[in-house]
């Protein structure tokens, strides 16, 4: 089994340097050397002794990702990136299904028992009550969604760039009369996203739908009762996929009669073959950076907050078309 000494010898650095880099502890080392240490550790299949480290540091060696549901189509990408980072940094990652009865109590109980060293919230930003409780107990945590007072605990996607790109894409295709389907219930992030889209391309219609598309039939009814927008932008790729399917079932052609574009990407985006045009965001990288940031908080007690810099991109699957001249 590979040891810290083996990695240090291969890279040409001290054992203490390897140990601190792999733990995410503060140390002055170049980024190229840091990445070389990670590469060699992976190449040698290094696995830290979690029991010994836990006894030495008074840590559990585990972090938890509380989620309200396991059905969110974004979780596989986020969790995949988080698992990669946790493995590399010597942590075990648990996905924690929150209690519907007492989510706050269950999370705090697990923290109080010392079963995890920190938390990473992949769904909505934690409530103000939970943030206050975690801060009061000095529990490190990271949110992957923005909140009005979470800057120093947040690893966010650049949703402003994402929704600006969505609006710009429709604008380039000649769409001016558009509808926007916002996600309900509303949140800090959903309002920010809606505002960003509207700043670039003001929608004539604003409709609402659950994140998973449960209310898509009412959206289709609103489309039929409206003066026919040429494009519908959504804040969820699930909504977009179900919308395309529902419109086509009613004989409305996509994209000939109306263009539809989603947000985020997943296998769900390919349901209504050949798929739904959408804005792809760096969800896997966000999961990875979230765990790295949490380890930084655990080791140093501080983190400045971060927006993932990988730019969004349009995945064209044929549900958007240029507006034909009259």
C-alpha atoms as a PDB file:
ATOM      1  CA  UNK A   1       0.000   0.000   0.000  1.00  0.00           C
ATOM      2  CA  UNK A   2       1.367   3.430  -0.955  1.00  0.00           C
ATOM      3  CA  UNK A   3       2.387   5.818   1.832  1.00  0.00           C
ATOM      4  CA  UNK A   4       2.972   9.552   2.143  1.00  0.00           C
ATOM      5  CA  UNK A   5       6.685   8.775   1.985  1.00  0.00           C
ATOM      6  CA  UNK A   6       6.246   7.090  -1.418  1.00  0.00           C
ATOM      7  CA  UNK A   7       4.436  10.130  -2.818  1.00  0.00           C
ATOM      8  CA  UNK A   8       6.981  12.552  -1.340  1.00  0.00           C
ATOM      9  CA  UNK A   9       9.854  10.571  -2.881  1.00  0.00           C
ATOM     10  CA  UNK A  10       8.204  10.456  -6.309  1.00  0.00           C
ATOM     11  CA  UNK A  11       7.446  14.187  -6.333  1.00  0.00           C
ATOM     12  CA  UNK A  12      10.648  15.283  -4.611  1.00  0.00           C
ATOM     13  CA  UNK A  13       9.149  17.124  -1.628  1.00  0.00           C
ATOM     14  CA  UNK A  14       8.913  16.654   2.139  1.00  0.00           C
ATOM     15  CA  UNK A  15       6.392  14.241   3.625  1.00  0.00           C
ATOM     16  CA  UNK A  16       4.814  17.142   5.529  1.00  0.00           C
ATOM     17  CA  UNK A  17       4.198  18.973   2.248  1.00  0.00           C
ATOM     18  CA  UNK A  18       2.396  15.972   0.775  1.00  0.00           C
ATOM     19  CA  UNK A  19       0.354  15.515   3.948  1.00  0.00           C
ATOM     20  CA  UNK A  20      -0.817  19.144   4.069  1.00  0.00           C
ATOM     21  CA  UNK A  21      -1.661  19.311   0.367  1.00  0.00           C
ATOM     22  CA  UNK A  22      -3.733  16.101   0.493  1.00  0.00           C
ATOM     23  CA  UNK A  23      -5.548  17.305   3.623  1.00  0.00           C
ATOM     24  CA  UNK A  24      -6.278  20.730   2.131  1.00  0.00           C
ATOM     25  CA  UNK A  25      -4.322  22.339   4.976  1.00  0.00           C
ATOM     26  CA  UNK A  26      -2.764  25.805   4.498  1.00  0.00           C
ATOM     27  CA  UNK A  27       0.664  25.604   2.862  1.00  0.00           C
ATOM     28  CA  UNK A  28       2.611  27.720   0.389  1.00  0.00           C
ATOM     29  CA  UNK A  29       3.168  25.526  -2.648  1.00  0.00           C
ATOM     30  CA  UNK A  30       2.840  26.177  -6.369  1.00  0.00           C
ATOM     31  CA  UNK A  31      -0.312  25.054  -8.143  1.00  0.00           C
ATOM     32  CA  UNK A  32       1.717  22.859 -10.516  1.00  0.00           C
ATOM     33  CA  UNK A  33       3.372  21.084  -7.579  1.00  0.00           C
ATOM     34  CA  UNK A  34       0.012  20.702  -5.829  1.00  0.00           C
ATOM     35  CA  UNK A  35      -1.514  19.072  -8.899  1.00  0.00           C
ATOM     36  CA  UNK A  36       1.546  16.818  -9.283  1.00  0.00           C
ATOM     37  CA  UNK A  37       1.052  15.579  -5.708  1.00  0.00           C
ATOM     38  CA  UNK A  38      -2.611  14.799  -6.449  1.00  0.00           C
ATOM     39  CA  UNK A  39      -1.634  13.047  -9.691  1.00  0.00           C
ATOM     40  CA  UNK A  40       1.029  10.873  -8.076  1.00  0.00           C
ATOM     41  CA  UNK A  41      -1.255  10.028  -5.142  1.00  0.00           C
ATOM     42  CA  UNK A  42      -3.908   8.838  -7.585  1.00  0.00           C
ATOM     43  CA  UNK A  43      -1.341   6.997  -9.716  1.00  0.00           C
ATOM     44  CA  UNK A  44      -0.036   5.136  -6.653  1.00  0.00           C
ATOM     45  CA  UNK A  45      -3.618   4.486  -5.479  1.00  0.00           C
ATOM     46  CA  UNK A  46      -2.852   6.176  -2.157  1.00  0.00           C
ATOM     47  CA  UNK A  47      -5.543   5.762   0.517  1.00  0.00           C
ATOM     48  CA  UNK A  48      -5.093   7.578   3.837  1.00  0.00           C
ATOM     49  CA  UNK A  49      -5.522   5.763   7.138  1.00  0.00           C
ATOM     50  CA  UNK A  50      -8.783   7.409   8.166  1.00  0.00           C
ATOM     51  CA  UNK A  51      -8.910   5.834  11.625  1.00  0.00           C
ATOM     52  CA  UNK A  52      -5.424   7.031  12.543  1.00  0.00           C
ATOM     53  CA  UNK A  53      -6.052  10.487  11.123  1.00  0.00           C
ATOM     54  CA  UNK A  54      -9.352  10.762  12.947  1.00  0.00           C
ATOM     55  CA  UNK A  55      -7.806   9.854  16.293  1.00  0.00           C
ATOM     56  CA  UNK A  56      -4.935  12.268  15.732  1.00  0.00           C
ATOM     57  CA  UNK A  57      -7.009  15.219  14.602  1.00  0.00           C
ATOM     58  CA  UNK A  58     -10.235  14.573  16.475  1.00  0.00           C
ATOM     59  CA  UNK A  59     -12.076  14.371  13.124  1.00  0.00           C
ATOM     60  CA  UNK A  60     -14.501  11.806  11.739  1.00  0.00           C
ATOM     61  CA  UNK A  61     -13.054  11.829   8.230  1.00  0.00           C
ATOM     62  CA  UNK A  62     -16.570  12.150   6.796  1.00  0.00           C
ATOM     63  CA  UNK A  63     -18.628  14.939   5.249  1.00  0.00           C
ATOM     64  CA  UNK A  64     -22.334  14.896   4.477  1.00  0.00           C
ATOM     65  CA  UNK A  65     -24.428  16.280   1.652  1.00  0.00           C
ATOM     66  CA  UNK A  66     -27.998  16.817   2.947  1.00  0.00           C
ATOM     67  CA  UNK A  67     -30.643  16.663   0.208  1.00  0.00           C
ATOM     68  CA  UNK A  68     -34.451  16.974   0.522  1.00  0.00           C
ATOM     69  CA  UNK A  69     -34.977  14.399  -2.232  1.00  0.00           C
ATOM     70  CA  UNK A  70     -32.914  11.900  -4.198  1.00  0.00           C
ATOM     71  CA  UNK A  71     -34.892  12.574  -7.378  1.00  0.00           C
ATOM     72  CA  UNK A  72     -33.193  15.807  -8.484  1.00  0.00           C
ATOM     73  CA  UNK A  73     -31.713  15.163 -11.934  1.00  0.00           C
ATOM     74  CA  UNK A  74     -28.716  17.428 -11.168  1.00  0.00           C
ATOM     75  CA  UNK A  75     -27.464  15.342  -8.246  1.00  0.00           C
ATOM     76  CA  UNK A  76     -25.571  12.648 -10.228  1.00  0.00           C
ATOM     77  CA  UNK A  77     -23.256  15.267 -11.763  1.00  0.00           C
ATOM     78  CA  UNK A  78     -22.811  17.222  -8.522  1.00  0.00           C
ATOM     79  CA  UNK A  79     -22.292  14.095  -6.410  1.00  0.00           C
ATOM     80  CA  UNK A  80     -19.881  12.639  -8.963  1.00  0.00           C
ATOM     81  CA  UNK A  81     -17.646  15.702  -8.750  1.00  0.00           C
ATOM     82  CA  UNK A  82     -17.969  15.800  -4.960  1.00  0.00           C
ATOM     83  CA  UNK A  83     -17.016  12.120  -4.653  1.00  0.00           C
ATOM     84  CA  UNK A  84     -13.932  12.620  -6.821  1.00  0.00           C
ATOM     85  CA  UNK A  85     -12.735  15.475  -4.617  1.00  0.00           C
ATOM     86  CA  UNK A  86     -13.591  13.667  -1.368  1.00  0.00           C
ATOM     87  CA  UNK A  87     -11.645  10.568  -2.430  1.00  0.00           C
ATOM     88  CA  UNK A  88      -8.663  12.664  -3.426  1.00  0.00           C
ATOM     89  CA  UNK A  89      -8.694  14.603  -0.159  1.00  0.00           C
ATOM     90  CA  UNK A  90      -9.154  11.548   2.045  1.00  0.00           C
ATOM     91  CA  UNK A  91     -12.790  12.039   3.061  1.00  0.00           C
ATOM     92  CA  UNK A  92     -15.839   9.816   2.913  1.00  0.00           C
ATOM     93  CA  UNK A  93     -18.880  11.547   1.397  1.00  0.00           C
ATOM     94  CA  UNK A  94     -22.360  10.640   2.661  1.00  0.00           C
ATOM     95  CA  UNK A  95     -25.539  11.729   0.888  1.00  0.00           C
ATOM     96  CA  UNK A  96     -28.040  12.437   3.657  1.00  0.00           C
ATOM     97  CA  UNK A  97     -31.775  12.271   2.894  1.00  0.00           C
ATOM     98  CA  UNK A  98     -33.314  15.001   5.028  1.00  0.00           C
ATOM     99  CA  UNK A  99     -36.215  14.195   7.307  1.00  0.00           C
ATOM    100  CA  UNK A 100     -39.492  15.628   6.042  1.00  0.00           C
ATOM    101  CA  UNK A 101     -40.693  15.963   9.645  1.00  0.00           C
ATOM    102  CA  UNK A 102     -37.693  17.663  11.237  1.00  0.00           C
ATOM    103  CA  UNK A 103     -34.888  18.391   8.713  1.00  0.00           C
ATOM    104  CA  UNK A 104     -33.151  20.900  10.993  1.00  0.00           C
ATOM    105  CA  UNK A 105     -33.200  18.568  13.987  1.00  0.00           C
ATOM    106  CA  UNK A 106     -31.833  15.596  12.058  1.00  0.00           C
ATOM    107  CA  UNK A 107     -28.932  17.558  10.608  1.00  0.00           C
ATOM    108  CA  UNK A 108     -28.006  19.093  13.956  1.00  0.00           C
ATOM    109  CA  UNK A 109     -28.269  15.699  15.673  1.00  0.00           C
ATOM    110  CA  UNK A 110     -25.782  14.141  13.254  1.00  0.00           C
ATOM    111  CA  UNK A 111     -23.432  17.090  13.724  1.00  0.00           C
ATOM    112  CA  UNK A 112     -23.747  16.918  17.531  1.00  0.00           C
ATOM    113  CA  UNK A 113     -22.811  13.222  17.469  1.00  0.00           C
ATOM    114  CA  UNK A 114     -19.545  14.086  15.708  1.00  0.00           C
ATOM    115  CA  UNK A 115     -20.353  11.807  12.784  1.00  0.00           C
ATOM    116  CA  UNK A 116     -19.305  14.361  10.150  1.00  0.00           C
ATOM    117  CA  UNK A 117     -16.726  17.138   9.982  1.00  0.00           C
ATOM    118  CA  UNK A 118     -18.776  19.401   7.734  1.00  0.00           C
ATOM    119  CA  UNK A 119     -21.797  19.760   5.465  1.00  0.00           C
ATOM    120  CA  UNK A 120     -22.312  20.615   1.811  1.00  0.00           C
ATOM    121  CA  UNK A 121     -25.811  21.691   0.739  1.00  0.00           C
ATOM    122  CA  UNK A 122     -26.498  20.788  -2.898  1.00  0.00           C
ATOM    123  CA  UNK A 123     -30.128  21.902  -3.082  1.00  0.00           C
ATOM    124  CA  UNK A 124     -31.602  25.222  -1.949  1.00  0.00           C
ATOM    125  CA  UNK A 125     -29.457  27.374   0.293  1.00  0.00           C
ATOM    126  CA  UNK A 126     -29.869  26.413   3.982  1.00  0.00           C
ATOM    127  CA  UNK A 127     -32.466  28.392   5.930  1.00  0.00           C
ATOM    128  CA  UNK A 128     -31.469  31.358   8.063  1.00  0.00           C
ATOM    129  CA  UNK A 129     -32.338  29.298  11.150  1.00  0.00           C
ATOM    130  CA  UNK A 130     -30.021  26.474  10.103  1.00  0.00           C
ATOM    131  CA  UNK A 131     -27.218  28.873   9.148  1.00  0.00           C
ATOM    132  CA  UNK A 132     -27.465  30.506  12.570  1.00  0.00           C
ATOM    133  CA  UNK A 133     -27.410  27.121  14.311  1.00  0.00           C
ATOM    134  CA  UNK A 134     -24.397  25.891  12.327  1.00  0.00           C
ATOM    135  CA  UNK A 135     -22.469  29.123  12.864  1.00  0.00           C
ATOM    136  CA  UNK A 136     -23.270  28.992  16.573  1.00  0.00           C
ATOM    137  CA  UNK A 137     -21.831  25.484  16.777  1.00  0.00           C
ATOM    138  CA  UNK A 138     -18.909  26.387  14.488  1.00  0.00           C
ATOM    139  CA  UNK A 139     -19.816  23.674  12.015  1.00  0.00           C
ATOM    140  CA  UNK A 140     -18.118  24.148   8.615  1.00  0.00           C
ATOM    141  CA  UNK A 141     -20.596  24.138   5.743  1.00  0.00           C
ATOM    142  CA  UNK A 142     -20.768  25.057   2.071  1.00  0.00           C
ATOM    143  CA  UNK A 143     -23.854  25.873   0.015  1.00  0.00           C
ATOM    144  CA  UNK A 144     -23.986  25.256  -3.738  1.00  0.00           C
ATOM    145  CA  UNK A 145     -26.800  27.780  -4.079  1.00  0.00           C
ATOM    146  CA  UNK A 146     -26.637  31.478  -3.370  1.00  0.00           C
ATOM    147  CA  UNK A 147     -28.349  33.074  -0.424  1.00  0.00           C
ATOM    148  CA  UNK A 148     -28.475  36.723   0.520  1.00  0.00           C
ATOM    149  CA  UNK A 149     -26.029  36.200   3.409  1.00  0.00           C
ATOM    150  CA  UNK A 150     -24.025  33.162   2.258  1.00  0.00           C
ATOM    151  CA  UNK A 151     -21.175  34.682   0.218  1.00  0.00           C
ATOM    152  CA  UNK A 152     -18.445  33.292   2.469  1.00  0.00           C
ATOM    153  CA  UNK A 153     -20.034  29.825   2.460  1.00  0.00           C
ATOM    154  CA  UNK A 154     -20.978  29.542  -1.201  1.00  0.00           C
ATOM    155  CA  UNK A 155     -19.554  27.803  -4.262  1.00  0.00           C
ATOM    156  CA  UNK A 156     -22.029  28.939  -6.887  1.00  0.00           C
ATOM    157  CA  UNK A 157     -22.463  28.475 -10.597  1.00  0.00           C
ATOM    158  CA  UNK A 158     -22.388  31.623 -12.704  1.00  0.00           C
ATOM    159  CA  UNK A 159     -26.148  31.612 -13.266  1.00  0.00           C
ATOM    160  CA  UNK A 160     -26.032  35.228 -14.368  1.00  0.00           C
ATOM    161  CA  UNK A 161     -23.786  34.226 -17.265  1.00  0.00           C
ATOM    162  CA  UNK A 162     -25.982  31.176 -17.922  1.00  0.00           C
ATOM    163  CA  UNK A 163     -29.275  33.029 -18.209  1.00  0.00           C
ATOM    164  CA  UNK A 164     -27.668  35.889 -20.101  1.00  0.00           C
ATOM    165  CA  UNK A 165     -26.426  33.306 -22.616  1.00  0.00           C
ATOM    166  CA  UNK A 166     -29.904  31.763 -22.821  1.00  0.00           C
ATOM    167  CA  UNK A 167     -31.455  35.162 -23.602  1.00  0.00           C
ATOM    168  CA  UNK A 168     -28.646  36.078 -26.012  1.00  0.00           C
ATOM    169  CA  UNK A 169     -29.101  32.796 -27.911  1.00  0.00           C
ATOM    170  CA  UNK A 170     -32.813  33.437 -28.477  1.00  0.00           C
ATOM    171  CA  UNK A 171     -32.095  37.036 -29.397  1.00  0.00           C
ATOM    172  CA  UNK A 172     -29.545  35.932 -32.014  1.00  0.00           C
ATOM    173  CA  UNK A 173     -32.205  33.686 -33.542  1.00  0.00           C
ATOM    174  CA  UNK A 174     -34.452  36.729 -33.948  1.00  0.00           C
ATOM    175  CA  UNK A 175     -36.866  36.069 -31.063  1.00  0.00           C
ATOM    176  CA  UNK A 176     -38.348  39.185 -29.482  1.00  0.00           C
ATOM    177  CA  UNK A 177     -41.727  37.942 -28.265  1.00  0.00           C
ATOM    178  CA  UNK A 178     -40.763  35.372 -25.681  1.00  0.00           C
ATOM    179  CA  UNK A 179     -42.208  33.735 -22.580  1.00  0.00           C
ATOM    180  CA  UNK A 180     -40.143  32.812 -19.531  1.00  0.00           C
ATOM    181  CA  UNK A 181     -41.151  29.926 -17.245  1.00  0.00           C
ATOM    182  CA  UNK A 182     -39.822  30.656 -13.767  1.00  0.00           C
ATOM    183  CA  UNK A 183     -39.336  28.029 -11.072  1.00  0.00           C
ATOM    184  CA  UNK A 184     -41.623  27.969  -8.033  1.00  0.00           C
ATOM    185  CA  UNK A 185     -41.422  28.211  -5.120  1.00  0.00           C
ATOM    186  CA  UNK A 186     -39.326  31.303  -5.635  1.00  0.00           C
ATOM    187  CA  UNK A 187     -35.923  31.691  -4.023  1.00  0.00           C
ATOM    188  CA  UNK A 188     -33.022  34.113  -3.991  1.00  0.00           C
ATOM    189  CA  UNK A 189     -31.449  32.219  -6.903  1.00  0.00           C
ATOM    190  CA  UNK A 190     -34.639  31.941  -8.978  1.00  0.00           C
ATOM    191  CA  UNK A 191     -35.288  35.675  -8.725  1.00  0.00           C
ATOM    192  CA  UNK A 192     -31.684  36.416  -9.686  1.00  0.00           C
ATOM    193  CA  UNK A 193     -31.982  34.135 -12.726  1.00  0.00           C
ATOM    194  CA  UNK A 194     -35.275  35.646 -13.850  1.00  0.00           C
ATOM    195  CA  UNK A 195     -33.860  39.159 -13.488  1.00  0.00           C
ATOM    196  CA  UNK A 196     -30.726  38.289 -15.458  1.00  0.00           C
ATOM    197  CA  UNK A 197     -32.724  36.901 -18.382  1.00  0.00           C
ATOM    198  CA  UNK A 198     -35.096  39.886 -18.380  1.00  0.00           C
ATOM    199  CA  UNK A 199     -32.205  42.352 -18.348  1.00  0.00           C
ATOM    200  CA  UNK A 200     -31.084  40.957 -21.709  1.00  0.00           C
ATOM    201  CA  UNK A 201     -34.417  39.993 -23.289  1.00  0.00           C
ATOM    202  CA  UNK A 202     -37.563  41.255 -21.569  1.00  0.00           C
ATOM    203  CA  UNK A 203     -40.234  38.500 -21.734  1.00  0.00           C
ATOM    204  CA  UNK A 204     -43.786  39.482 -22.648  1.00  0.00           C
ATOM    205  CA  UNK A 205     -45.118  36.564 -20.625  1.00  0.00           C
ATOM    206  CA  UNK A 206     -43.871  35.176 -17.301  1.00  0.00           C
ATOM    207  CA  UNK A 207     -45.337  31.819 -16.340  1.00  0.00           C
ATOM    208  CA  UNK A 208     -44.606  29.534 -13.388  1.00  0.00           C
ATOM    209  CA  UNK A 209     -43.916  25.842 -12.967  1.00  0.00           C
ATOM    210  CA  UNK A 210     -42.535  23.463 -10.368  1.00  0.00           C
ATOM    211  CA  UNK A 211     -38.849  22.609 -10.892  1.00  0.00           C
ATOM    212  CA  UNK A 212     -39.768  19.059 -11.939  1.00  0.00           C
ATOM    213  CA  UNK A 213     -42.448  20.154 -14.398  1.00  0.00           C
ATOM    214  CA  UNK A 214     -45.516  19.073 -12.412  1.00  0.00           C
ATOM    215  CA  UNK A 215     -47.418  22.176 -13.551  1.00  0.00           C
ATOM    216  CA  UNK A 216     -46.430  22.017 -17.209  1.00  0.00           C
ATOM    217  CA  UNK A 217     -50.034  21.485 -18.412  1.00  0.00           C
ATOM    218  CA  UNK A 218     -51.008  24.910 -17.076  1.00  0.00           C
ATOM    219  CA  UNK A 219     -48.036  26.396 -18.960  1.00  0.00           C
ATOM    220  CA  UNK A 220     -49.270  24.780 -22.171  1.00  0.00           C
ATOM    221  CA  UNK A 221     -52.762  26.152 -21.528  1.00  0.00           C
ATOM    222  CA  UNK A 222     -51.308  29.629 -21.020  1.00  0.00           C
ATOM    223  CA  UNK A 223     -49.422  29.291 -24.287  1.00  0.00           C
ATOM    224  CA  UNK A 224     -52.628  28.374 -26.093  1.00  0.00           C
ATOM    225  CA  UNK A 225     -54.462  31.338 -24.565  1.00  0.00           C
ATOM    226  CA  UNK A 226     -51.688  33.822 -25.352  1.00  0.00           C
ATOM    227  CA  UNK A 227     -50.867  35.681 -28.523  1.00  0.00           C
ATOM    228  CA  UNK A 228     -48.305  32.976 -29.374  1.00  0.00           C
ATOM    229  CA  UNK A 229     -44.765  33.797 -28.259  1.00  0.00           C
ATOM    230  CA  UNK A 230     -42.153  32.630 -30.746  1.00  0.00           C
ATOM    231  CA  UNK A 231     -39.981  31.123 -28.001  1.00  0.00           C
ATOM    232  CA  UNK A 232     -40.312  29.798 -24.453  1.00  0.00           C
ATOM    233  CA  UNK A 233     -37.305  29.875 -22.128  1.00  0.00           C
ATOM    234  CA  UNK A 234     -37.373  27.795 -18.966  1.00  0.00           C
ATOM    235  CA  UNK A 235     -35.316  27.729 -15.763  1.00  0.00           C
ATOM    236  CA  UNK A 236     -35.277  23.915 -15.692  1.00  0.00           C
ATOM    237  CA  UNK A 237     -34.428  21.368 -18.364  1.00  0.00           C
ATOM    238  CA  UNK A 238     -37.068  19.009 -16.942  1.00  0.00           C
ATOM    239  CA  UNK A 239     -39.721  21.663 -17.507  1.00  0.00           C
ATOM    240  CA  UNK A 240     -38.400  22.183 -21.042  1.00  0.00           C
ATOM    241  CA  UNK A 241     -38.447  18.437 -21.821  1.00  0.00           C
ATOM    242  CA  UNK A 242     -41.993  17.975 -20.523  1.00  0.00           C
ATOM    243  CA  UNK A 243     -43.083  21.152 -22.282  1.00  0.00           C
ATOM    244  CA  UNK A 244     -41.762  19.970 -25.660  1.00  0.00           C
ATOM    245  CA  UNK A 245     -43.507  16.628 -25.228  1.00  0.00           C
ATOM    246  CA  UNK A 246     -46.797  18.242 -24.144  1.00  0.00           C
ATOM    247  CA  UNK A 247     -46.804  20.792 -26.966  1.00  0.00           C
ATOM    248  CA  UNK A 248     -46.166  18.127 -29.592  1.00  0.00           C
ATOM    249  CA  UNK A 249     -48.957  15.962 -28.184  1.00  0.00           C
ATOM    250  CA  UNK A 250     -51.331  18.879 -28.822  1.00  0.00           C
ATOM    251  CA  UNK A 251     -50.122  19.239 -32.409  1.00  0.00           C
ATOM    252  CA  UNK A 252     -47.930  22.290 -31.736  1.00  0.00           C
ATOM    253  CA  UNK A 253     -44.674  21.932 -33.636  1.00  0.00           C
ATOM    254  CA  UNK A 254     -41.354  22.509 -31.902  1.00  0.00           C
ATOM    255  CA  UNK A 255     -39.390  24.413 -33.139  1.00  0.00           C
ATOM    256  CA  UNK A 256     -41.464  25.329 -36.222  1.00  0.00           C
ATOM    257  CA  UNK A 257     -44.307  26.930 -34.229  1.00  0.00           C
ATOM    258  CA  UNK A 258     -42.423  27.763 -31.050  1.00  0.00           C
ATOM    259  CA  UNK A 259     -38.828  27.355 -29.880  1.00  0.00           C
ATOM    260  CA  UNK A 260     -38.126  25.879 -26.415  1.00  0.00           C
ATOM    261  CA  UNK A 261     -34.884  26.093 -24.442  1.00  0.00           C
ATOM    262  CA  UNK A 262     -34.027  24.633 -21.033  1.00  0.00           C
ATOM    263  CA  UNK A 263     -31.428  25.266 -18.351  1.00  0.00           C
ATOM    264  CA  UNK A 264     -28.835  22.750 -17.083  1.00  0.00           C
ATOM    265  CA  UNK A 265     -28.209  19.477 -18.859  1.00  0.00           C
ATOM    266  CA  UNK A 266     -28.770  15.822 -18.026  1.00  0.00           C
ATOM    267  CA  UNK A 267     -29.951  12.610 -19.726  1.00  0.00           C
ATOM    268  CA  UNK A 268     -33.483  13.948 -19.195  1.00  0.00           C
ATOM    269  CA  UNK A 269     -32.735  16.539 -21.870  1.00  0.00           C
ATOM    270  CA  UNK A 270     -32.813  13.733 -24.459  1.00  0.00           C
ATOM    271  CA  UNK A 271     -36.244  12.364 -23.528  1.00  0.00           C
ATOM    272  CA  UNK A 272     -38.307  13.978 -26.300  1.00  0.00           C
ATOM    273  CA  UNK A 273     -36.031  12.754 -29.094  1.00  0.00           C
ATOM    274  CA  UNK A 274     -33.793  14.141 -30.479  1.00  0.00           C
ATOM    275  CA  UNK A 275     -33.661  16.093 -27.231  1.00  0.00           C
ATOM    276  CA  UNK A 276     -34.047  19.593 -25.815  1.00  0.00           C
ATOM    277  CA  UNK A 277     -31.785  22.533 -26.509  1.00  0.00           C
ATOM    278  CA  UNK A 278     -30.418  23.752 -23.197  1.00  0.00           C
ATOM    279  CA  UNK A 279     -27.744  25.734 -21.371  1.00  0.00           C
ATOM    280  CA  UNK A 280     -25.126  23.392 -19.908  1.00  0.00           C
ATOM    281  CA  UNK A 281     -23.595  24.486 -16.598  1.00  0.00           C
ATOM    282  CA  UNK A 282     -20.484  23.119 -14.860  1.00  0.00           C
ATOM    283  CA  UNK A 283     -22.355  21.089 -12.214  1.00  0.00           C
ATOM    284  CA  UNK A 284     -19.720  18.374 -11.828  1.00  0.00           C
ATOM    285  CA  UNK A 285     -16.978  20.945 -11.323  1.00  0.00           C
ATOM    286  CA  UNK A 286     -19.196  22.730  -8.807  1.00  0.00           C
ATOM    287  CA  UNK A 287     -19.527  19.540  -6.747  1.00  0.00           C
ATOM    288  CA  UNK A 288     -15.767  19.073  -6.805  1.00  0.00           C
ATOM    289  CA  UNK A 289     -15.022  22.661  -5.823  1.00  0.00           C
ATOM    290  CA  UNK A 290     -17.678  22.512  -3.112  1.00  0.00           C
ATOM    291  CA  UNK A 291     -15.874  19.674  -1.348  1.00  0.00           C
ATOM    292  CA  UNK A 292     -12.488  21.350  -1.804  1.00  0.00           C
ATOM    293  CA  UNK A 293     -13.897  24.544  -0.282  1.00  0.00           C
ATOM    294  CA  UNK A 294     -15.402  22.612   2.622  1.00  0.00           C
ATOM    295  CA  UNK A 295     -12.038  20.964   3.315  1.00  0.00           C
ATOM    296  CA  UNK A 296     -10.466  24.420   3.249  1.00  0.00           C
ATOM    297  CA  UNK A 297     -12.989  25.587   5.821  1.00  0.00           C
ATOM    298  CA  UNK A 298     -12.349  22.535   7.986  1.00  0.00           C
ATOM    299  CA  UNK A 299      -8.579  23.025   7.828  1.00  0.00           C
ATOM    300  CA  UNK A 300      -8.282  26.818   8.021  1.00  0.00           C
ATOM    301  CA  UNK A 301     -11.618  28.048   9.327  1.00  0.00           C
ATOM    302  CA  UNK A 302     -12.024  30.549   6.488  1.00  0.00           C
ATOM    303  CA  UNK A 303     -13.217  30.583   2.886  1.00  0.00           C
ATOM    304  CA  UNK A 304     -13.854  33.626   0.707  1.00  0.00           C
ATOM    305  CA  UNK A 305     -16.658  32.182  -1.419  1.00  0.00           C
ATOM    306  CA  UNK A 306     -16.389  31.381  -5.102  1.00  0.00           C
ATOM    307  CA  UNK A 307     -18.212  31.395  -8.424  1.00  0.00           C
ATOM    308  CA  UNK A 308     -17.221  28.511 -10.723  1.00  0.00           C
ATOM    309  CA  UNK A 309     -15.496  30.156 -13.675  1.00  0.00           C
ATOM    310  CA  UNK A 310     -16.131  27.535 -16.384  1.00  0.00           C
ATOM    311  CA  UNK A 311     -18.367  29.322 -18.915  1.00  0.00           C
ATOM    312  CA  UNK A 312     -21.835  27.973 -19.776  1.00  0.00           C
ATOM    313  CA  UNK A 313     -22.493  26.573 -23.238  1.00  0.00           C
ATOM    314  CA  UNK A 314     -25.484  25.990 -25.469  1.00  0.00           C
ATOM    315  CA  UNK A 315     -26.264  22.341 -26.234  1.00  0.00           C
ATOM    316  CA  UNK A 316     -28.265  22.479 -29.464  1.00  0.00           C
ATOM    317  CA  UNK A 317     -30.651  19.536 -29.815  1.00  0.00           C
ATOM    318  CA  UNK A 318     -32.995  21.067 -32.342  1.00  0.00           C
ATOM    319  CA  UNK A 319     -35.804  22.631 -30.293  1.00  0.00           C
ATOM    320  CA  UNK A 320     -34.858  26.203 -31.182  1.00  0.00           C
ATOM    321  CA  UNK A 321     -35.004  27.765 -34.636  1.00  0.00           C
ATOM    322  CA  UNK A 322     -34.542  31.182 -36.170  1.00  0.00           C
ATOM    323  CA  UNK A 323     -37.615  33.371 -36.584  1.00  0.00           C
ATOM    324  CA  UNK A 324     -38.700  33.360 -40.229  1.00  0.00           C
ATOM    325  CA  UNK A 325     -39.264  36.757 -41.879  1.00  0.00           C
ATOM    326  CA  UNK A 326     -42.923  37.666 -42.357  1.00  0.00           C
END
